């Protein structure tokens, strides 16, 4: 989910069962990429007959309407939900050149 408020984008992404160390967030201008990897836990003893757990990598990328100020961006991961606060970068002001 992406919301916009008070000069920032607020992103909420459900990523259950993943350690926060296995989540990566990349910001490039207005493009945001989130990737996560679920690793297989090694089982001690016994042969696994059936497993319904998902293991592997997943990622999502999306573009926002305005560039993000990556220097002040914040990320928080709690109870399987990643929350990002992505402040908007101020738009450059137009500049006129004096003619000599």
N, C-alpha and C. Protein backbone atom coordinates (compact mmCIF):
# COMPACT_ATOMS: atom_id res chain seq x y z
N UNK A 1 0.85 -1.17 0.00
CA UNK A 1 0.00 0.00 0.00
C UNK A 1 0.89 1.23 0.00
N UNK A 2 0.52 2.24 -0.79
CA UNK A 2 1.28 3.49 -0.82
C UNK A 2 0.30 4.63 -0.56
N UNK A 3 0.62 5.45 0.44
CA UNK A 3 -0.17 6.63 0.78
C UNK A 3 0.71 7.86 0.61
N UNK A 4 0.08 9.00 0.47
CA UNK A 4 0.81 10.26 0.37
C UNK A 4 0.26 11.20 1.43
N UNK A 5 1.17 11.74 2.26
CA UNK A 5 0.74 12.71 3.26
C UNK A 5 1.93 13.53 3.75
N UNK A 6 1.69 14.78 4.04
CA UNK A 6 2.68 15.69 4.62
C UNK A 6 4.03 15.65 3.92
N UNK A 7 4.03 15.72 2.60
CA UNK A 7 5.29 15.77 1.87
C UNK A 7 6.08 14.48 1.84
N UNK A 8 5.41 13.35 2.09
CA UNK A 8 6.11 12.06 2.09
C UNK A 8 5.19 10.97 1.57
N UNK A 9 5.80 9.91 1.10
CA UNK A 9 5.07 8.70 0.73
C UNK A 9 5.22 7.71 1.87
N UNK A 10 4.13 7.06 2.23
CA UNK A 10 4.13 6.04 3.28
C UNK A 10 3.82 4.71 2.61
N UNK A 11 4.74 3.76 2.73
CA UNK A 11 4.59 2.46 2.10
C UNK A 11 4.45 1.41 3.19
N UNK A 12 3.50 0.51 3.01
CA UNK A 12 3.29 -0.59 3.94
C UNK A 12 3.26 -1.87 3.13
N UNK A 13 4.18 -2.80 3.43
CA UNK A 13 4.29 -4.05 2.69
C UNK A 13 4.32 -5.23 3.65
N UNK A 14 3.44 -6.19 3.45
CA UNK A 14 3.42 -7.39 4.29
C UNK A 14 4.48 -8.36 3.77
N UNK A 15 5.42 -8.70 4.65
CA UNK A 15 6.49 -9.64 4.32
C UNK A 15 6.63 -10.59 5.51
N UNK A 16 5.66 -11.48 5.71
CA UNK A 16 5.71 -12.35 6.89
C UNK A 16 6.76 -13.44 6.76
N UNK A 17 7.28 -13.85 7.92
CA UNK A 17 8.20 -14.97 7.96
C UNK A 17 9.60 -14.68 7.46
N UNK A 18 9.95 -13.42 7.33
CA UNK A 18 11.27 -13.03 6.83
C UNK A 18 12.00 -12.25 7.91
N UNK A 19 13.27 -12.53 8.09
CA UNK A 19 14.10 -11.77 9.03
C UNK A 19 14.37 -10.39 8.44
N UNK A 20 14.43 -9.38 9.27
CA UNK A 20 14.68 -8.02 8.75
C UNK A 20 16.05 -7.93 8.07
N UNK A 21 16.97 -8.82 8.42
CA UNK A 21 18.28 -8.83 7.78
C UNK A 21 18.22 -9.35 6.33
N UNK A 22 17.12 -10.01 5.98
CA UNK A 22 16.96 -10.56 4.64
C UNK A 22 16.09 -9.69 3.74
N UNK A 23 15.81 -8.46 4.18
CA UNK A 23 15.01 -7.52 3.39
C UNK A 23 15.91 -6.40 2.90
N UNK A 24 15.78 -6.06 1.63
CA UNK A 24 16.56 -4.97 1.04
C UNK A 24 15.61 -3.95 0.41
N UNK A 25 15.88 -2.67 0.67
CA UNK A 25 15.11 -1.59 0.07
C UNK A 25 16.10 -0.70 -0.68
N UNK A 26 15.84 -0.48 -1.96
CA UNK A 26 16.70 0.38 -2.78
C UNK A 26 15.87 1.53 -3.33
N UNK A 27 16.46 2.73 -3.30
CA UNK A 27 15.79 3.93 -3.81
C UNK A 27 16.69 4.54 -4.87
N UNK A 28 16.11 4.78 -6.04
CA UNK A 28 16.84 5.41 -7.14
C UNK A 28 15.93 6.46 -7.76
N UNK A 29 16.09 7.70 -7.30
CA UNK A 29 15.21 8.77 -7.79
C UNK A 29 13.79 8.56 -7.31
N UNK A 30 12.88 8.25 -8.24
CA UNK A 30 11.49 8.01 -7.86
C UNK A 30 11.15 6.51 -7.87
N UNK A 31 12.13 5.65 -8.14
CA UNK A 31 11.91 4.20 -8.20
C UNK A 31 12.31 3.57 -6.87
N UNK A 32 11.40 2.76 -6.32
CA UNK A 32 11.63 2.06 -5.06
C UNK A 32 11.57 0.56 -5.34
N UNK A 33 12.56 -0.18 -4.85
CA UNK A 33 12.60 -1.63 -5.02
C UNK A 33 12.72 -2.28 -3.64
N UNK A 34 11.86 -3.26 -3.41
CA UNK A 34 11.87 -4.02 -2.16
C UNK A 34 12.10 -5.48 -2.53
N UNK A 35 13.09 -6.11 -1.89
CA UNK A 35 13.32 -7.53 -2.14
C UNK A 35 13.51 -8.23 -0.79
N UNK A 36 13.13 -9.51 -0.76
CA UNK A 36 13.25 -10.30 0.46
C UNK A 36 13.56 -11.74 0.09
N UNK A 37 14.24 -12.41 1.01
CA UNK A 37 14.57 -13.81 0.79
C UNK A 37 14.17 -14.62 2.02
N UNK A 38 13.40 -15.67 1.78
CA UNK A 38 13.02 -16.60 2.84
C UNK A 38 13.93 -17.81 2.71
N UNK A 39 14.68 -18.06 3.77
CA UNK A 39 15.64 -19.16 3.74
C UNK A 39 15.06 -20.39 4.40
N UNK A 40 15.46 -21.53 3.92
CA UNK A 40 15.01 -22.80 4.47
C UNK A 40 15.72 -23.04 5.80
N UNK A 41 14.95 -23.38 6.80
CA UNK A 41 15.53 -23.71 8.10
C UNK A 41 15.96 -25.17 8.05
N UNK A 42 17.16 -25.42 8.50
CA UNK A 42 17.64 -26.81 8.46
C UNK A 42 16.93 -27.61 9.55
N UNK A 43 16.45 -28.74 9.15
CA UNK A 43 15.75 -29.63 10.09
C UNK A 43 16.74 -30.65 10.63
N UNK A 44 16.71 -30.89 11.91
CA UNK A 44 17.58 -31.90 12.52
C UNK A 44 16.83 -33.23 12.58
N UNK A 45 17.43 -34.24 11.97
CA UNK A 45 16.86 -35.57 12.03
C UNK A 45 15.58 -35.71 11.23
N UNK A 46 15.31 -36.91 10.79
CA UNK A 46 14.07 -37.22 10.10
C UNK A 46 14.02 -36.70 8.67
N UNK A 47 13.25 -37.37 7.88
CA UNK A 47 13.05 -37.02 6.48
C UNK A 47 11.75 -36.24 6.36
N UNK A 48 11.78 -35.10 5.70
CA UNK A 48 10.57 -34.30 5.53
C UNK A 48 9.71 -34.96 4.47
N UNK A 49 8.49 -35.30 4.84
CA UNK A 49 7.56 -35.94 3.92
C UNK A 49 6.71 -34.93 3.15
N UNK A 50 6.40 -33.82 3.76
CA UNK A 50 5.60 -32.79 3.12
C UNK A 50 5.94 -31.44 3.75
N UNK A 51 6.10 -30.44 2.92
CA UNK A 51 6.38 -29.10 3.42
C UNK A 51 5.56 -28.10 2.63
N UNK A 52 4.87 -27.21 3.33
CA UNK A 52 4.06 -26.20 2.67
C UNK A 52 4.60 -24.81 2.95
N UNK A 53 5.85 -24.73 3.30
CA UNK A 53 6.50 -23.44 3.53
C UNK A 53 7.12 -22.97 2.23
N UNK A 54 7.08 -21.68 2.03
CA UNK A 54 7.65 -21.09 0.82
C UNK A 54 9.08 -20.63 1.12
N UNK A 55 9.99 -21.02 0.25
CA UNK A 55 11.38 -20.57 0.36
C UNK A 55 11.77 -19.95 -0.96
N UNK A 56 12.55 -18.90 -0.90
CA UNK A 56 13.03 -18.28 -2.13
C UNK A 56 13.06 -16.77 -2.02
N UNK A 57 13.21 -16.14 -3.17
CA UNK A 57 13.31 -14.68 -3.24
C UNK A 57 12.06 -14.10 -3.87
N UNK A 58 11.73 -12.91 -3.43
CA UNK A 58 10.62 -12.17 -4.02
C UNK A 58 11.02 -10.70 -4.08
N UNK A 59 10.48 -9.97 -5.05
CA UNK A 59 10.81 -8.55 -5.14
C UNK A 59 9.68 -7.80 -5.83
N UNK A 60 9.60 -6.52 -5.52
CA UNK A 60 8.64 -5.61 -6.13
C UNK A 60 9.34 -4.27 -6.36
N UNK A 61 9.03 -3.66 -7.49
CA UNK A 61 9.54 -2.32 -7.79
C UNK A 61 8.37 -1.47 -8.26
N UNK A 62 8.42 -0.20 -7.92
CA UNK A 62 7.37 0.71 -8.37
C UNK A 62 7.94 2.12 -8.45
N UNK A 63 7.30 2.93 -9.27
CA UNK A 63 7.72 4.32 -9.45
C UNK A 63 6.72 5.24 -8.76
N UNK A 64 7.23 6.27 -8.13
CA UNK A 64 6.41 7.29 -7.49
C UNK A 64 6.38 8.54 -8.37
N UNK A 65 5.45 9.41 -8.10
CA UNK A 65 5.29 10.61 -8.93
C UNK A 65 6.44 11.60 -8.77
N UNK A 66 7.12 11.55 -7.64
CA UNK A 66 8.19 12.51 -7.36
C UNK A 66 9.39 11.77 -6.78
N UNK A 67 10.59 12.31 -6.99
CA UNK A 67 11.80 11.71 -6.44
C UNK A 67 11.75 11.67 -4.92
N UNK A 68 12.43 10.67 -4.36
CA UNK A 68 12.47 10.47 -2.91
C UNK A 68 13.79 10.99 -2.37
N UNK A 69 13.74 11.65 -1.21
CA UNK A 69 14.94 12.10 -0.52
C UNK A 69 15.49 10.92 0.28
N UNK A 70 16.36 10.14 -0.36
CA UNK A 70 16.85 8.90 0.26
C UNK A 70 17.64 9.15 1.54
N UNK A 71 18.21 10.34 1.71
CA UNK A 71 19.00 10.64 2.91
C UNK A 71 18.15 10.68 4.17
N UNK A 72 16.87 11.01 4.05
CA UNK A 72 16.00 11.11 5.22
C UNK A 72 14.92 10.02 5.25
N UNK A 73 14.99 9.07 4.34
CA UNK A 73 14.02 7.97 4.30
C UNK A 73 14.20 7.08 5.52
N UNK A 74 13.09 6.48 5.98
CA UNK A 74 13.13 5.62 7.16
C UNK A 74 12.42 4.31 6.86
N UNK A 75 12.90 3.22 7.47
CA UNK A 75 12.30 1.90 7.32
C UNK A 75 12.14 1.25 8.69
N UNK A 76 11.01 0.56 8.87
CA UNK A 76 10.73 -0.13 10.13
C UNK A 76 10.06 -1.46 9.79
N UNK A 77 10.49 -2.54 10.42
CA UNK A 77 9.91 -3.86 10.18
C UNK A 77 9.45 -4.43 11.51
N UNK A 78 8.15 -4.71 11.61
CA UNK A 78 7.59 -5.23 12.85
C UNK A 78 6.40 -6.13 12.53
N UNK A 79 6.35 -7.29 13.18
CA UNK A 79 5.24 -8.24 13.03
C UNK A 79 4.92 -8.56 11.57
N UNK A 80 5.96 -8.73 10.76
CA UNK A 80 5.77 -9.12 9.37
C UNK A 80 5.37 -8.01 8.42
N UNK A 81 5.40 -6.75 8.89
CA UNK A 81 5.01 -5.63 8.05
C UNK A 81 6.18 -4.64 7.95
N UNK A 82 6.58 -4.34 6.72
CA UNK A 82 7.61 -3.35 6.46
C UNK A 82 6.93 -2.02 6.23
N UNK A 83 7.35 -1.00 6.97
CA UNK A 83 6.79 0.34 6.82
C UNK A 83 7.91 1.29 6.40
N UNK A 84 7.70 2.00 5.32
CA UNK A 84 8.67 2.97 4.82
C UNK A 84 8.08 4.36 4.87
N UNK A 85 8.88 5.31 5.30
CA UNK A 85 8.52 6.73 5.22
C UNK A 85 9.52 7.34 4.25
N UNK A 86 9.04 7.76 3.08
CA UNK A 86 9.89 8.24 2.01
C UNK A 86 9.58 9.71 1.72
N UNK A 87 10.33 10.63 2.36
CA UNK A 87 10.09 12.06 2.12
C UNK A 87 10.35 12.42 0.65
N UNK A 88 9.53 13.34 0.15
CA UNK A 88 9.70 13.80 -1.23
C UNK A 88 10.89 14.75 -1.30
N UNK A 89 11.63 14.64 -2.39
CA UNK A 89 12.73 15.55 -2.63
C UNK A 89 12.13 16.86 -3.15
N UNK A 90 12.57 18.01 -2.65
CA UNK A 90 12.03 19.27 -3.16
C UNK A 90 12.31 19.40 -4.65
N UNK A 91 11.30 19.84 -5.38
CA UNK A 91 11.47 20.04 -6.82
C UNK A 91 12.42 21.20 -7.05
N UNK A 92 13.33 21.06 -8.00
CA UNK A 92 14.25 22.16 -8.27
C UNK A 92 13.47 23.35 -8.82
N UNK A 93 13.85 24.52 -8.35
CA UNK A 93 13.16 25.73 -8.83
C UNK A 93 13.71 26.12 -10.19
N UNK A 94 12.84 26.67 -10.98
CA UNK A 94 13.25 27.11 -12.32
C UNK A 94 14.21 28.30 -12.19
N UNK A 95 15.15 28.35 -13.07
CA UNK A 95 16.15 29.41 -13.02
C UNK A 95 16.24 30.07 -14.38
N UNK A 96 16.24 31.36 -14.37
CA UNK A 96 16.40 32.08 -15.64
C UNK A 96 17.83 32.60 -15.71
N UNK A 97 18.36 32.54 -16.88
CA UNK A 97 19.74 33.01 -17.09
C UNK A 97 19.70 34.43 -17.64
N UNK A 98 20.50 35.31 -17.06
CA UNK A 98 20.57 36.67 -17.60
C UNK A 98 21.33 36.66 -18.93
N UNK A 99 20.87 37.42 -19.86
CA UNK A 99 21.52 37.52 -21.16
C UNK A 99 22.43 38.73 -21.13
N UNK A 100 23.68 38.53 -21.52
CA UNK A 100 24.65 39.62 -21.49
C UNK A 100 24.94 40.13 -22.86
